[in-house]
Amino acid sequence: WLVLPSQLLLTIGLVLLAQYIGLLNPAG
């Protein structure tokens, strides 16, 4: 119950950070 929601929030945060930085290949 602690790990699964924190994984989801961490993944969303890291993907948004990668988008903000401007990395290429979003699917990758």
PDB file of all heavy atoms in Angstrom:
ATOM      1  N   TRP A   1       0.819  -1.211   0.000  1.00  0.00           N
ATOM      2  CA  TRP A   1       0.000   0.000   0.000  1.00  0.00           C
ATOM      3  C   TRP A   1       0.851   1.258   0.000  1.00  0.00           C
ATOM      4  O   TRP A   1       0.401   2.330  -0.396  1.00  0.00           O
ATOM      5  CB  TRP A   1      -0.946   0.018   1.205  1.00  0.00           C
ATOM      6  CG  TRP A   1      -2.148  -0.822   1.003  1.00  0.00           C
ATOM      7  CD1 TRP A   1      -2.384  -2.058   1.526  1.00  0.00           C
ATOM      8  CD2 TRP A   1      -3.294  -0.513   0.209  1.00  0.00           C
ATOM      9  NE1 TRP A   1      -3.590  -2.527   1.106  1.00  0.00           N
ATOM     10  CE2 TRP A   1      -4.180  -1.605   0.296  1.00  0.00           C
ATOM     11  CE3 TRP A   1      -3.649   0.574  -0.582  1.00  0.00           C
ATOM     12  CZ2 TRP A   1      -5.392  -1.639  -0.373  1.00  0.00           C
ATOM     13  CZ3 TRP A   1      -4.866   0.546  -1.241  1.00  0.00           C
ATOM     14  CH2 TRP A   1      -5.716  -0.536  -1.136  1.00  0.00           C
ATOM     15  N   LEU A   2       2.084   1.153   0.442  1.00  0.00           N
ATOM     16  CA  LEU A   2       3.000   2.295   0.379  1.00  0.00           C
ATOM     17  C   LEU A   2       3.796   2.326  -0.919  1.00  0.00           C
ATOM     18  O   LEU A   2       4.045   3.387  -1.481  1.00  0.00           O
ATOM     19  CB  LEU A   2       3.971   2.246   1.564  1.00  0.00           C
ATOM     20  CG  LEU A   2       3.379   2.442   2.939  1.00  0.00           C
ATOM     21  CD1 LEU A   2       4.434   2.208   4.004  1.00  0.00           C
ATOM     22  CD2 LEU A   2       2.805   3.824   3.062  1.00  0.00           C
ATOM     23  N   VAL A   3       4.213   1.153  -1.377  1.00  0.00           N
ATOM     24  CA  VAL A   3       5.115   1.089  -2.526  1.00  0.00           C
ATOM     25  C   VAL A   3       4.387   1.408  -3.835  1.00  0.00           C
ATOM     26  O   VAL A   3       4.895   2.182  -4.654  1.00  0.00           O
ATOM     27  CB  VAL A   3       5.803  -0.292  -2.594  1.00  0.00           C
ATOM     28  CG1 VAL A   3       6.513  -0.493  -3.912  1.00  0.00           C
ATOM     29  CG2 VAL A   3       6.779  -0.441  -1.454  1.00  0.00           C
ATOM     30  N   LEU A   4       3.211   0.836  -4.053  1.00  0.00           N
ATOM     31  CA  LEU A   4       2.548   0.991  -5.354  1.00  0.00           C
ATOM     32  C   LEU A   4       2.159   2.440  -5.671  1.00  0.00           C
ATOM     33  O   LEU A   4       2.461   2.925  -6.764  1.00  0.00           O
ATOM     34  CB  LEU A   4       1.347   0.057  -5.441  1.00  0.00           C
ATOM     35  CG  LEU A   4       1.676  -1.441  -5.385  1.00  0.00           C
ATOM     36  CD1 LEU A   4       0.407  -2.265  -5.499  1.00  0.00           C
ATOM     37  CD2 LEU A   4       2.670  -1.841  -6.439  1.00  0.00           C
ATOM     38  N   PRO A   5       1.508   3.178  -4.754  1.00  0.00           N
ATOM     39  CA  PRO A   5       1.220   4.582  -5.094  1.00  0.00           C
ATOM     40  C   PRO A   5       2.484   5.435  -5.228  1.00  0.00           C
ATOM     41  O   PRO A   5       2.546   6.324  -6.082  1.00  0.00           O
ATOM     42  CB  PRO A   5       0.365   5.074  -3.936  1.00  0.00           C
ATOM     43  CG  PRO A   5      -0.146   3.874  -3.279  1.00  0.00           C
ATOM     44  CD  PRO A   5       0.856   2.796  -3.508  1.00  0.00           C
ATOM     45  N   SER A   6       3.489   5.158  -4.396  1.00  0.00           N
ATOM     46  CA  SER A   6       4.714   5.950  -4.513  1.00  0.00           C
ATOM     47  C   SER A   6       5.433   5.667  -5.829  1.00  0.00           C
ATOM     48  O   SER A   6       6.047   6.566  -6.415  1.00  0.00           O
ATOM     49  CB  SER A   6       5.638   5.688  -3.326  1.00  0.00           C
ATOM     50  OG  SER A   6       6.030   4.347  -3.293  1.00  0.00           O
ATOM     51  N   GLN A   7       5.351   4.422  -6.317  1.00  0.00           N
ATOM     52  CA  GLN A   7       5.922   4.114  -7.635  1.00  0.00           C
ATOM     53  C   GLN A   7       5.229   4.919  -8.725  1.00  0.00           C
ATOM     54  O   GLN A   7       5.881   5.456  -9.616  1.00  0.00           O
ATOM     55  CB  GLN A   7       5.736   2.636  -7.951  1.00  0.00           C
ATOM     56  CG  GLN A   7       6.770   1.732  -7.407  1.00  0.00           C
ATOM     57  CD  GLN A   7       6.532   0.336  -7.941  1.00  0.00           C
ATOM     58  OE1 GLN A   7       5.432  -0.186  -7.859  1.00  0.00           O
ATOM     59  NE2 GLN A   7       7.561  -0.247  -8.477  1.00  0.00           N
ATOM     60  N   LEU A   8       3.914   4.963  -8.658  1.00  0.00           N
ATOM     61  CA  LEU A   8       3.154   5.688  -9.681  1.00  0.00           C
ATOM     62  C   LEU A   8       3.510   7.170  -9.667  1.00  0.00           C
ATOM     63  O   LEU A   8       3.756   7.772 -10.717  1.00  0.00           O
ATOM     64  CB  LEU A   8       1.657   5.475  -9.457  1.00  0.00           C
ATOM     65  CG  LEU A   8       0.734   5.997 -10.536  1.00  0.00           C
ATOM     66  CD1 LEU A   8       1.003   5.295 -11.853  1.00  0.00           C
ATOM     67  CD2 LEU A   8      -0.708   5.807 -10.123  1.00  0.00           C
ATOM     68  N   LEU A   9       3.566   7.767  -8.476  1.00  0.00           N
ATOM     69  CA  LEU A   9       3.903   9.189  -8.383  1.00  0.00           C
ATOM     70  C   LEU A   9       5.345   9.462  -8.814  1.00  0.00           C
ATOM     71  O   LEU A   9       5.616  10.454  -9.488  1.00  0.00           O
ATOM     72  CB  LEU A   9       3.673   9.679  -6.956  1.00  0.00           C
ATOM     73  CG  LEU A   9       2.218   9.701  -6.498  1.00  0.00           C
ATOM     74  CD1 LEU A   9       2.135  10.097  -5.043  1.00  0.00           C
ATOM     75  CD2 LEU A   9       1.393  10.619  -7.369  1.00  0.00           C
ATOM     76  N   LEU A  10       6.266   8.572  -8.454  1.00  0.00           N
ATOM     77  CA  LEU A  10       7.661   8.738  -8.857  1.00  0.00           C
ATOM     78  C   LEU A  10       7.824   8.625 -10.367  1.00  0.00           C
ATOM     79  O   LEU A  10       8.547   9.412 -10.989  1.00  0.00           O
ATOM     80  CB  LEU A  10       8.539   7.713  -8.147  1.00  0.00           C
ATOM     81  CG  LEU A  10      10.030   7.795  -8.414  1.00  0.00           C
ATOM     82  CD1 LEU A  10      10.589   9.096  -7.852  1.00  0.00           C
ATOM     83  CD2 LEU A  10      10.733   6.610  -7.812  1.00  0.00           C
ATOM     84  N   THR A  11       7.118   7.680 -10.977  1.00  0.00           N
ATOM     85  CA  THR A  11       7.198   7.524 -12.427  1.00  0.00           C
ATOM     86  C   THR A  11       6.641   8.751 -13.140  1.00  0.00           C
ATOM     87  O   THR A  11       7.254   9.264 -14.082  1.00  0.00           O
ATOM     88  CB  THR A  11       6.429   6.269 -12.866  1.00  0.00           C
ATOM     89  OG1 THR A  11       6.997   5.144 -12.221  1.00  0.00           O
ATOM     90  CG2 THR A  11       6.498   6.082 -14.364  1.00  0.00           C
ATOM     91  N   ILE A  12       5.506   9.236 -12.687  1.00  0.00           N
ATOM     92  CA  ILE A  12       4.921  10.434 -13.309  1.00  0.00           C
ATOM     93  C   ILE A  12       5.855  11.625 -13.153  1.00  0.00           C
ATOM     94  O   ILE A  12       6.087  12.389 -14.099  1.00  0.00           O
ATOM     95  CB  ILE A  12       3.531  10.722 -12.710  1.00  0.00           C
ATOM     96  CG1 ILE A  12       2.540   9.643 -13.144  1.00  0.00           C
ATOM     97  CG2 ILE A  12       3.032  12.097 -13.122  1.00  0.00           C
ATOM     98  CD1 ILE A  12       1.207   9.704 -12.449  1.00  0.00           C
ATOM     99  N   GLY A  13       6.431  11.780 -11.955  1.00  0.00           N
ATOM    100  CA  GLY A  13       7.359  12.885 -11.728  1.00  0.00           C
ATOM    101  C   GLY A  13       8.602  12.811 -12.603  1.00  0.00           C
ATOM    102  O   GLY A  13       9.039  13.815 -13.166  1.00  0.00           O
ATOM    103  N   LEU A  14       9.173  11.612 -12.729  1.00  0.00           N
ATOM    104  CA  LEU A  14      10.376  11.467 -13.560  1.00  0.00           C
ATOM    105  C   LEU A  14      10.087  11.668 -15.041  1.00  0.00           C
ATOM    106  O   LEU A  14      10.900  12.248 -15.770  1.00  0.00           O
ATOM    107  CB  LEU A  14      11.015  10.101 -13.326  1.00  0.00           C
ATOM    108  CG  LEU A  14      11.713   9.918 -11.979  1.00  0.00           C
ATOM    109  CD1 LEU A  14      12.163   8.483 -11.806  1.00  0.00           C
ATOM    110  CD2 LEU A  14      12.877  10.872 -11.851  1.00  0.00           C
ATOM    111  N   VAL A  15       8.932  11.207 -15.500  1.00  0.00           N
ATOM    112  CA  VAL A  15       8.566  11.411 -16.907  1.00  0.00           C
ATOM    113  C   VAL A  15       8.331  12.895 -17.183  1.00  0.00           C
ATOM    114  O   VAL A  15       8.763  13.424 -18.218  1.00  0.00           O
ATOM    115  CB  VAL A  15       7.334  10.553 -17.279  1.00  0.00           C
ATOM    116  CG1 VAL A  15       6.752  10.973 -18.602  1.00  0.00           C
ATOM    117  CG2 VAL A  15       7.711   9.089 -17.305  1.00  0.00           C
ATOM    118  N   LEU A  16       7.663  13.584 -16.255  1.00  0.00           N
ATOM    119  CA  LEU A  16       7.454  15.021 -16.444  1.00  0.00           C
ATOM    120  C   LEU A  16       8.781  15.782 -16.394  1.00  0.00           C
ATOM    121  O   LEU A  16       8.967  16.744 -17.137  1.00  0.00           O
ATOM    122  CB  LEU A  16       6.484  15.554 -15.389  1.00  0.00           C
ATOM    123  CG  LEU A  16       5.043  15.101 -15.547  1.00  0.00           C
ATOM    124  CD1 LEU A  16       4.196  15.638 -14.405  1.00  0.00           C
ATOM    125  CD2 LEU A  16       4.468  15.535 -16.887  1.00  0.00           C
ATOM    126  N   LEU A  17       9.703  15.350 -15.541  1.00  0.00           N
ATOM    127  CA  LEU A  17      11.017  15.974 -15.495  1.00  0.00           C
ATOM    128  C   LEU A  17      11.776  15.761 -16.805  1.00  0.00           C
ATOM    129  O   LEU A  17      12.410  16.689 -17.328  1.00  0.00           O
ATOM    130  CB  LEU A  17      11.822  15.416 -14.319  1.00  0.00           C
ATOM    131  CG  LEU A  17      13.229  15.966 -14.153  1.00  0.00           C
ATOM    132  CD1 LEU A  17      13.167  17.438 -13.753  1.00  0.00           C
ATOM    133  CD2 LEU A  17      13.976  15.162 -13.121  1.00  0.00           C
ATOM    134  N   ALA A  18      11.706  14.544 -17.351  1.00  0.00           N
ATOM    135  CA  ALA A  18      12.368  14.278 -18.631  1.00  0.00           C
ATOM    136  C   ALA A  18      11.747  15.103 -19.751  1.00  0.00           C
ATOM    137  O   ALA A  18      12.450  15.577 -20.647  1.00  0.00           O
ATOM    138  CB  ALA A  18      12.289  12.790 -18.956  1.00  0.00           C
ATOM    139  N   GLN A  19      10.440  15.275 -19.692  1.00  0.00           N
ATOM    140  CA  GLN A  19       9.767  16.109 -20.693  1.00  0.00           C
ATOM    141  C   GLN A  19      10.193  17.567 -20.548  1.00  0.00           C
ATOM    142  O   GLN A  19      10.413  18.260 -21.538  1.00  0.00           O
ATOM    143  CB  GLN A  19       8.247  15.966 -20.529  1.00  0.00           C
ATOM    144  CG  GLN A  19       7.442  16.695 -21.551  1.00  0.00           C
ATOM    145  CD  GLN A  19       7.517  16.052 -22.916  1.00  0.00           C
ATOM    146  OE1 GLN A  19       7.750  14.860 -23.034  1.00  0.00           O
ATOM    147  NE2 GLN A  19       7.323  16.834 -23.939  1.00  0.00           N
ATOM    148  N   TYR A  20      10.315  18.035 -19.308  1.00  0.00           N
ATOM    149  CA  TYR A  20      10.713  19.421 -19.060  1.00  0.00           C
ATOM    150  C   TYR A  20      12.151  19.681 -19.510  1.00  0.00           C
ATOM    151  O   TYR A  20      12.457  20.735 -20.049  1.00  0.00           O
ATOM    152  CB  TYR A  20      10.551  19.735 -17.564  1.00  0.00           C
ATOM    153  CG  TYR A  20      10.976  21.118 -17.180  1.00  0.00           C
ATOM    154  CD1 TYR A  20      10.189  22.219 -17.500  1.00  0.00           C
ATOM    155  CD2 TYR A  20      12.178  21.337 -16.515  1.00  0.00           C
ATOM    156  CE1 TYR A  20      10.575  23.498 -17.147  1.00  0.00           C
ATOM    157  CE2 TYR A  20      12.578  22.608 -16.168  1.00  0.00           C
ATOM    158  CZ  TYR A  20      11.769  23.684 -16.487  1.00  0.00           C
ATOM    159  OH  TYR A  20      12.171  24.944 -16.153  1.00  0.00           O
ATOM    160  N   ILE A  21      13.028  18.707 -19.276  1.00  0.00           N
ATOM    161  CA  ILE A  21      14.421  18.854 -19.690  1.00  0.00           C
ATOM    162  C   ILE A  21      14.535  18.869 -21.216  1.00  0.00           C
ATOM    163  O   ILE A  21      15.401  19.516 -21.777  1.00  0.00           O
ATOM    164  CB  ILE A  21      15.276  17.719 -19.088  1.00  0.00           C
ATOM    165  CG1 ILE A  21      15.390  17.897 -17.586  1.00  0.00           C
ATOM    166  CG2 ILE A  21      16.653  17.672 -19.703  1.00  0.00           C
ATOM    167  CD1 ILE A  21      16.074  16.745 -16.888  1.00  0.00           C
ATOM    168  N   GLY A  22      13.647  18.141 -21.868  1.00  0.00           N
ATOM    169  CA  GLY A  22      13.643  18.127 -23.321  1.00  0.00           C
ATOM    170  C   GLY A  22      14.325  16.926 -23.928  1.00  0.00           C
ATOM    171  O   GLY A  22      14.918  17.035 -25.003  1.00  0.00           O
ATOM    172  N   LEU A  23      14.284  15.810 -23.237  1.00  0.00           N
ATOM    173  CA  LEU A  23      14.885  14.596 -23.795  1.00  0.00           C
ATOM    174  C   LEU A  23      14.112  14.139 -25.027  1.00  0.00           C
ATOM    175  O   LEU A  23      12.897  14.315 -25.119  1.00  0.00           O
ATOM    176  CB  LEU A  23      14.883  13.480 -22.747  1.00  0.00           C
ATOM    177  CG  LEU A  23      15.764  13.703 -21.525  1.00  0.00           C
ATOM    178  CD1 LEU A  23      15.623  12.531 -20.570  1.00  0.00           C
ATOM    179  CD2 LEU A  23      17.207  13.867 -21.925  1.00  0.00           C
ATOM    180  N   LEU A  24      14.834  13.540 -25.948  1.00  0.00           N
ATOM    181  CA  LEU A  24      14.211  13.016 -27.151  1.00  0.00           C
ATOM    182  C   LEU A  24      13.710  11.603 -26.888  1.00  0.00           C
ATOM    183  O   LEU A  24      14.060  10.982 -25.888  1.00  0.00           O
ATOM    184  CB  LEU A  24      15.223  13.025 -28.298  1.00  0.00           C
ATOM    185  CG  LEU A  24      15.787  14.404 -28.654  1.00  0.00           C
ATOM    186  CD1 LEU A  24      16.863  14.261 -29.712  1.00  0.00           C
ATOM    187  CD2 LEU A  24      14.693  15.330 -29.117  1.00  0.00           C
ATOM    188  N   ASN A  25      12.920  11.062 -27.776  1.00  0.00           N
ATOM    189  CA  ASN A  25      12.376   9.715 -27.698  1.00  0.00           C
ATOM    190  C   ASN A  25      11.531   9.507 -26.444  1.00  0.00           C
ATOM    191  O   ASN A  25      11.923   8.808 -25.515  1.00  0.00           O
ATOM    192  CB  ASN A  25      13.501   8.675 -27.756  1.00  0.00           C
ATOM    193  CG  ASN A  25      12.969   7.278 -27.969  1.00  0.00           C
ATOM    194  OD1 ASN A  25      11.778   7.075 -28.178  1.00  0.00           O
ATOM    195  ND2 ASN A  25      13.858   6.302 -27.902  1.00  0.00           N
ATOM    196  N   PRO A  26      10.336  10.098 -26.400  1.00  0.00           N
ATOM    197  CA  PRO A  26       9.484   9.984 -25.219  1.00  0.00           C
ATOM    198  C   PRO A  26       9.102   8.543 -24.883  1.00  0.00           C
ATOM    199  O   PRO A  26       9.019   8.185 -23.720  1.00  0.00           O
ATOM    200  CB  PRO A  26       8.246  10.789 -25.560  1.00  0.00           C
ATOM    201  CG  PRO A  26       8.500  11.475 -26.822  1.00  0.00           C
ATOM    202  CD  PRO A  26       9.747  10.946 -27.417  1.00  0.00           C
ATOM    203  N   ALA A  27       8.903   7.712 -25.888  1.00  0.00           N
ATOM    204  CA  ALA A  27       8.539   6.321 -25.601  1.00  0.00           C
ATOM    205  C   ALA A  27       9.683   5.612 -24.897  1.00  0.00           C
ATOM    206  O   ALA A  27       9.453   4.798 -23.988  1.00  0.00           O
ATOM    207  CB  ALA A  27       8.195   5.597 -26.897  1.00  0.00           C
ATOM    208  N   GLY A  28      10.905   5.925 -25.258  1.00  0.00           N
ATOM    209  CA  GLY A  28      12.060   5.298 -24.631  1.00  0.00           C
ATOM    210  C   GLY A  28      12.218   5.665 -23.176  1.00  0.00           C
ATOM    211  O   GLY A  28      12.422   4.805 -22.322  1.00  0.00           O
TER     212      GLY A  28
END
